């Protein structure tokens, strides 16, 4: 096949070009089965429709859309994986139903507006290294006036977390940098430990209060200048020691009956490859029953590449002075 897939700059700069990235998705049956339902159970949404997928990867969901009766599917994948997904589509005799697109969105000229635009290309915290900005841009460029966006809604969720696994895990890092490293002083590295977002499976019992949705994104209404900011408030249920906040997301798909929801919460029976995010405090905080923790979250990134993500979290306990901290997911 054309191109030296192993040595091009595109391969190293875009993780979506790595087959391992897509292998994880295909093997995550908890997520994949729900994504599949969202397409197969929505055959009435796809039948005889012009469809655009953003971040089509291996092409599997575009092929499902075609099999669900779509009149034609445009599959946009800017990484070099599009070379191989094109061959896969041909091997499955769907080349007349699916057109692979790889150029910049602004350069694409479609013969008609699309009836359905969807993306299933999400990352940690839903946004990290996703194609969500491109999804919103493509919606403004190509979606017809009465067109449908899939998924329909995304909820970003946060909750306070008791002292448990994060503190134990991070202690090994901070203790390591506090000591001489091969005879050199590396204590400055602790600043990176304190500002890093921890990606892990959180212990459900460590969540110390009812989770709060700090941002709901209705995709049909969201614009390219979407603000990823929101507020939260928790009432502490018992005296405890807090170590930080945990965060995850839910994705909702429209159906003709009940919505299909993919949840990445730590309480879910089937954990997903999305894990959860943990934002630890520099020092644990003692709180009392009925204390109120309130604050805000702002997520930012540069350009269309959602990496790194910058989380600015501000919080206070009751009427105390607010505390602000910046975290980086990269």
Protein backbone atom coordinates (compact mmCIF):
# COMPACT_ATOMS: atom_id res chain seq x y z
CA UNK A 1 0.00 0.00 0.00
CA UNK A 2 1.03 3.59 -0.60
CA UNK A 3 3.06 5.46 1.99
CA UNK A 4 5.57 4.32 4.54
CA UNK A 5 3.11 3.84 7.41
CA UNK A 6 5.79 3.20 10.01
CA UNK A 7 7.95 6.26 9.46
CA UNK A 8 5.72 9.15 8.41
CA UNK A 9 5.31 12.15 10.68
CA UNK A 10 1.54 11.66 10.56
CA UNK A 11 1.86 8.23 12.14
CA UNK A 12 3.76 9.57 15.13
CA UNK A 13 1.76 12.79 15.59
CA UNK A 14 -1.75 11.29 15.40
CA UNK A 15 -2.57 8.36 17.66
CA UNK A 16 -5.68 7.64 15.57
CA UNK A 17 -3.33 6.29 12.92
CA UNK A 18 -2.15 3.56 15.29
CA UNK A 19 -4.05 0.30 14.87
CA UNK A 20 -3.55 -0.33 18.61
CA UNK A 21 -5.81 2.66 19.36
CA UNK A 22 -8.66 1.08 17.42
CA UNK A 23 -7.90 -2.42 18.66
CA UNK A 24 -8.66 -1.23 22.21
CA UNK A 25 -12.03 0.15 21.11
CA UNK A 26 -13.02 -3.01 19.24
CA UNK A 27 -12.08 -5.20 22.21
CA UNK A 28 -13.99 -3.04 24.72
CA UNK A 29 -17.26 -4.96 24.43
CA UNK A 30 -19.01 -2.80 27.07
CA UNK A 31 -18.59 0.26 24.86
CA UNK A 32 -18.61 -1.35 21.43
CA UNK A 33 -21.89 -3.20 22.00
CA UNK A 34 -23.60 0.07 22.93
CA UNK A 35 -22.11 1.90 19.95
CA UNK A 36 -23.32 -0.93 17.75
CA UNK A 37 -26.83 -0.70 19.23
CA UNK A 38 -26.87 3.04 18.61
CA UNK A 39 -26.45 2.36 14.90
CA UNK A 40 -28.27 -0.93 14.36
CA UNK A 41 -31.28 0.04 16.52
CA UNK A 42 -31.46 3.36 14.71
CA UNK A 43 -31.99 1.92 11.25
CA UNK A 44 -34.96 4.29 10.81
CA UNK A 45 -32.58 7.23 11.32
CA UNK A 46 -30.12 5.90 8.76
CA UNK A 47 -32.41 4.38 6.11
CA UNK A 48 -32.11 6.23 2.79
CA UNK A 49 -30.12 9.02 4.47
CA UNK A 50 -26.86 10.71 3.53
CA UNK A 51 -24.53 10.11 6.48
CA UNK A 52 -21.18 11.59 7.54
CA UNK A 53 -18.97 9.95 10.16
CA UNK A 54 -16.21 12.05 11.75
CA UNK A 55 -13.19 10.01 12.78
CA UNK A 56 -14.17 6.80 11.01
CA UNK A 57 -11.01 4.92 12.00
CA UNK A 58 -11.15 1.35 10.73
CA UNK A 59 -14.47 2.07 9.02
CA UNK A 60 -16.50 -0.38 11.07
CA UNK A 61 -19.21 2.06 12.16
CA UNK A 62 -19.51 3.51 8.66
CA UNK A 63 -20.02 -0.03 7.38
CA UNK A 64 -22.71 -0.58 10.03
CA UNK A 65 -24.44 2.63 8.93
CA UNK A 66 -24.35 1.43 5.32
CA UNK A 67 -25.75 -1.95 6.36
CA UNK A 68 -28.50 -0.13 8.28
CA UNK A 69 -29.79 1.27 5.01
CA UNK A 70 -27.97 4.58 4.55
CA UNK A 71 -28.20 5.87 1.00
CA UNK A 72 -24.53 6.85 1.17
CA UNK A 73 -21.92 7.25 3.89
CA UNK A 74 -19.03 9.69 3.87
CA UNK A 75 -16.31 8.46 6.23
CA UNK A 76 -13.83 11.17 7.28
CA UNK A 77 -10.53 9.89 8.65
CA UNK A 78 -7.50 12.22 8.34
CA UNK A 79 -4.90 9.74 9.62
CA UNK A 80 -3.09 7.28 7.38
CA UNK A 81 -5.45 4.59 8.63
CA UNK A 82 -7.82 5.76 5.88
CA UNK A 83 -5.64 3.86 3.39
CA UNK A 84 -6.38 0.60 5.16
CA UNK A 85 -10.02 1.32 5.97
CA UNK A 86 -10.60 2.02 2.26
CA UNK A 87 -9.21 -1.42 1.44
CA UNK A 88 -11.33 -2.97 4.20
CA UNK A 89 -14.46 -1.35 2.79
CA UNK A 90 -13.61 -2.72 -0.65
CA UNK A 91 -13.01 -6.19 0.84
CA UNK A 92 -16.54 -6.03 2.27
CA UNK A 93 -18.03 -4.91 -1.08
CA UNK A 94 -19.24 -1.58 0.30
CA UNK A 95 -17.14 0.73 -1.87
CA UNK A 96 -20.26 1.93 -3.72
CA UNK A 97 -21.95 2.89 -0.45
CA UNK A 98 -19.03 4.48 1.43
CA UNK A 99 -16.66 7.26 0.36
CA UNK A 100 -13.49 7.82 2.37
CA UNK A 101 -12.55 11.47 2.95
CA UNK A 102 -9.21 12.58 4.38
CA UNK A 103 -8.60 16.23 3.44
CA UNK A 104 -9.18 19.23 5.69
CA UNK A 105 -12.88 19.69 6.36
CA UNK A 106 -12.87 23.16 4.79
CA UNK A 107 -11.56 21.66 1.54
CA UNK A 108 -14.33 19.08 1.22
CA UNK A 109 -17.05 19.72 -1.36
CA UNK A 110 -20.06 17.42 -0.99
CA UNK A 111 -22.77 17.18 -3.63
CA UNK A 112 -25.45 17.52 -0.96
CA UNK A 113 -25.97 18.32 2.70
CA UNK A 114 -25.95 15.30 5.00
CA UNK A 115 -28.96 14.07 6.98
CA UNK A 116 -26.99 12.47 9.80
CA UNK A 117 -23.59 13.29 11.22
CA UNK A 118 -22.05 11.13 13.92
CA UNK A 119 -18.82 10.52 15.75
CA UNK A 120 -17.82 7.69 18.06
CA UNK A 121 -14.23 8.82 18.35
CA UNK A 122 -13.82 9.84 22.00
CA UNK A 123 -10.97 9.80 24.49
CA UNK A 124 -10.26 10.19 28.19
CA UNK A 125 -12.67 12.68 29.72
CA UNK A 126 -14.51 12.37 26.37
CA UNK A 127 -12.56 15.25 24.76
CA UNK A 128 -8.91 14.18 25.08
CA UNK A 129 -7.41 13.44 21.63
CA UNK A 130 -10.91 13.12 20.20
CA UNK A 131 -12.33 14.52 16.98
CA UNK A 132 -15.02 16.43 18.84
CA UNK A 133 -13.97 19.90 17.56
CA UNK A 134 -14.01 18.53 14.01
CA UNK A 135 -17.43 16.98 14.67
CA UNK A 136 -18.81 20.40 15.61
CA UNK A 137 -17.11 22.06 12.64
CA UNK A 138 -18.43 19.44 10.22
CA UNK A 139 -21.91 19.90 11.66
CA UNK A 140 -21.83 23.59 10.79
CA UNK A 141 -20.41 22.91 7.32
CA UNK A 142 -22.40 19.91 6.12
CA UNK A 143 -25.49 19.11 8.21
CA UNK A 144 -28.88 19.83 6.64
CA UNK A 145 -31.35 22.13 8.40
CA UNK A 146 -33.31 19.24 9.92
CA UNK A 147 -30.32 16.94 10.25
CA UNK A 148 -29.55 14.69 13.22
CA UNK A 149 -26.41 14.58 15.36
CA UNK A 150 -25.25 11.36 17.03
CA UNK A 151 -24.60 11.19 19.94
CA UNK A 152 -27.36 13.52 21.08
CA UNK A 153 -25.96 14.51 24.48
CA UNK A 154 -22.76 14.24 26.51
CA UNK A 155 -22.66 14.79 30.28
CA UNK A 156 -19.38 15.67 32.02
CA UNK A 157 -19.51 14.58 35.66
CA UNK A 158 -17.47 15.32 38.79
CA UNK A 159 -17.53 14.06 42.39
CA UNK A 160 -15.38 14.47 45.51
CA UNK A 161 -13.19 11.52 46.43
CA UNK A 162 -12.13 10.19 49.82
CA UNK A 163 -8.53 9.39 50.66
CA UNK A 164 -7.88 6.00 49.12
CA UNK A 165 -6.10 4.83 46.03
CA UNK A 166 -4.94 8.13 44.51
CA UNK A 167 -3.03 9.15 47.61
CA UNK A 168 -1.40 5.75 47.86
CA UNK A 169 -0.44 5.72 44.20
CA UNK A 170 0.86 9.27 44.14
CA UNK A 171 2.78 8.80 47.36
CA UNK A 172 5.12 6.41 45.60
CA UNK A 173 5.86 9.08 42.98
CA UNK A 174 6.34 11.96 45.39
CA UNK A 175 8.41 9.82 47.74
CA UNK A 176 10.57 8.82 44.79
CA UNK A 177 11.29 12.42 43.74
CA UNK A 178 11.78 13.52 47.38
CA UNK A 179 14.79 11.25 47.60
CA UNK A 180 18.03 11.57 45.67
CA UNK A 181 17.67 10.14 42.18
CA UNK A 182 21.00 8.61 41.27
CA UNK A 183 22.65 11.20 43.48
CA UNK A 184 20.74 14.22 42.14
CA UNK A 185 18.06 16.45 43.71
CA UNK A 186 14.81 16.01 41.76
CA UNK A 187 12.29 17.52 44.20
CA UNK A 188 11.20 20.03 41.54
CA UNK A 189 9.49 17.14 39.73
CA UNK A 190 6.84 17.01 42.46
CA UNK A 191 5.21 20.03 40.83
CA UNK A 192 4.49 17.87 37.79
CA UNK A 193 3.03 15.16 40.02
CA UNK A 194 0.71 17.69 41.70
CA UNK A 195 -0.54 19.13 38.39
CA UNK A 196 -1.00 15.87 36.48
CA UNK A 197 -4.39 14.30 35.85
CA UNK A 198 -4.38 10.69 36.97
CA UNK A 199 -6.05 8.21 34.57
CA UNK A 200 -7.31 5.19 36.48
CA UNK A 201 -10.27 3.08 37.53
CA UNK A 202 -11.61 4.78 40.64
CA UNK A 203 -12.91 2.71 43.56
CA UNK A 204 -16.70 3.24 43.68
CA UNK A 205 -16.72 3.43 47.49
CA UNK A 206 -14.19 6.27 47.37
CA UNK A 207 -16.81 8.59 45.84
CA UNK A 208 -17.94 10.56 48.88
CA UNK A 209 -21.03 12.40 47.62
CA UNK A 210 -23.61 12.25 44.85
CA UNK A 211 -21.91 13.05 41.51
CA UNK A 212 -22.73 16.34 39.81
CA UNK A 213 -23.09 17.04 36.08
CA UNK A 214 -21.02 20.17 35.59
CA UNK A 215 -21.52 20.35 31.83
CA UNK A 216 -24.19 18.95 29.51
CA UNK A 217 -23.43 19.18 25.81
CA UNK A 218 -26.46 18.94 23.52
CA UNK A 219 -24.71 18.22 20.24
CA UNK A 220 -27.47 19.59 18.00
CA UNK A 221 -27.04 22.99 19.68
CA UNK A 222 -23.28 23.03 20.35
CA UNK A 223 -21.13 25.44 18.34
CA UNK A 224 -17.45 25.32 17.43
CA UNK A 225 -16.74 27.91 20.11
CA UNK A 226 -18.33 25.64 22.73
CA UNK A 227 -17.40 26.54 26.29
CA UNK A 228 -16.40 23.56 28.41
CA UNK A 229 -17.06 25.29 31.71
CA UNK A 230 -19.48 24.51 34.50
CA UNK A 231 -20.21 24.68 38.20
CA UNK A 232 -20.69 22.05 40.88
CA UNK A 233 -21.90 21.76 44.46
CA UNK A 234 -21.77 18.81 46.86
CA UNK A 235 -23.08 18.25 50.37
CA UNK A 236 -20.74 15.99 52.32
CA UNK A 237 -22.52 12.96 53.76
CA UNK A 238 -20.14 12.11 56.63
CA UNK A 239 -16.96 13.25 58.38
CA UNK A 240 -14.09 12.25 56.11
CA UNK A 241 -10.78 13.12 54.53
CA UNK A 242 -10.89 14.17 50.88
CA UNK A 243 -8.02 13.71 48.48
CA UNK A 244 -9.44 15.29 45.34
CA UNK A 245 -12.08 15.02 42.65
CA UNK A 246 -12.97 12.21 40.29
CA UNK A 247 -14.51 12.79 36.86
CA UNK A 248 -16.11 10.74 34.09
CA UNK A 249 -18.76 11.11 31.37
CA UNK A 250 -21.98 9.67 29.97
CA UNK A 251 -22.87 9.60 26.26
CA UNK A 252 -26.50 9.46 25.15
CA UNK A 253 -27.73 8.25 21.76
CA UNK A 254 -31.18 8.96 20.31
CA UNK A 255 -33.48 6.04 19.53
CA UNK A 256 -37.13 5.62 18.68
CA UNK A 257 -37.70 4.09 22.13
CA UNK A 258 -35.51 4.60 25.23
CA UNK A 259 -32.17 6.40 24.81
CA UNK A 260 -29.01 4.31 24.75
CA UNK A 261 -26.52 5.55 27.35
CA UNK A 262 -22.84 4.68 27.53
CA UNK A 263 -21.65 5.44 31.06
CA UNK A 264 -18.02 5.48 32.14
CA UNK A 265 -18.86 5.84 35.86
CA UNK A 266 -16.77 3.89 38.40
CA UNK A 267 -19.99 2.27 39.66
CA UNK A 268 -20.66 0.55 36.32
CA UNK A 269 -20.48 -3.23 36.36
CA UNK A 270 -18.55 -3.29 33.08
CA UNK A 271 -15.62 -0.89 33.18
CA UNK A 272 -14.57 0.74 29.92
CA UNK A 273 -11.24 1.63 28.34
CA UNK A 274 -12.05 5.30 29.03
CA UNK A 275 -11.30 4.77 32.76
CA UNK A 276 -11.93 7.84 34.95
CA UNK A 277 -9.93 10.97 35.71
CA UNK A 278 -8.62 11.92 39.15
CA UNK A 279 -7.57 15.42 40.23
CA UNK A 280 -5.72 15.21 43.53
CA UNK A 281 -5.24 17.95 46.08
CA UNK A 282 -1.65 18.82 47.06
CA UNK A 283 -2.74 17.92 50.61
CA UNK A 284 -5.80 16.02 51.76
CA UNK A 285 -8.66 18.03 53.28
CA UNK A 286 -10.75 17.19 56.36
CA UNK A 287 -14.48 17.84 55.94
CA UNK A 288 -17.49 17.40 58.21
CA UNK A 289 -20.96 16.03 57.58
CA UNK A 290 -23.18 18.61 55.83
CA UNK A 291 -20.22 20.72 54.69
CA UNK A 292 -20.89 22.18 51.25
CA UNK A 293 -18.18 22.08 48.59
CA UNK A 294 -18.85 24.34 45.62
CA UNK A 295 -16.75 25.38 42.68
CA UNK A 296 -16.18 25.41 38.95
CA UNK A 297 -14.37 23.53 36.20
CA UNK A 298 -13.00 25.01 32.98
CA UNK A 299 -11.49 22.78 30.28
CA UNK A 300 -9.37 24.32 27.54
CA UNK A 301 -7.18 23.17 24.65
CA UNK A 302 -5.35 24.68 21.70
CA UNK A 303 -6.78 24.48 18.18
CA UNK A 304 -8.43 21.29 16.94
CA UNK A 305 -5.97 18.96 18.63
CA UNK A 306 -7.45 18.10 22.02
CA UNK A 307 -4.10 17.40 23.65
CA UNK A 308 -3.06 18.51 26.13
CA UNK A 309 -6.23 19.37 28.01
CA UNK A 310 -5.97 22.03 30.70
CA UNK A 311 -8.37 21.72 33.64
CA UNK A 312 -8.76 24.79 35.84
CA UNK A 313 -10.62 23.75 38.98
CA UNK A 314 -11.67 26.19 41.69
CA UNK A 315 -13.45 25.10 44.87
CA UNK A 316 -14.28 26.19 48.40
CA UNK A 317 -15.72 24.60 51.53
CA UNK A 318 -18.70 26.49 52.93
CA UNK A 319 -17.73 30.18 53.05
CA UNK A 320 -13.96 29.71 53.01
CA UNK A 321 -11.69 31.38 50.48
CA UNK A 322 -11.68 29.58 47.13
CA UNK A 323 -8.75 27.37 46.16
CA UNK A 324 -7.71 27.15 42.51
CA UNK A 325 -5.49 24.60 40.82
CA UNK A 326 -4.51 23.85 37.25
CA UNK A 327 -4.24 20.25 36.05
CA UNK A 328 -2.84 18.96 32.76
CA UNK A 329 -3.93 15.85 30.88
CA UNK A 330 -1.31 14.98 28.28
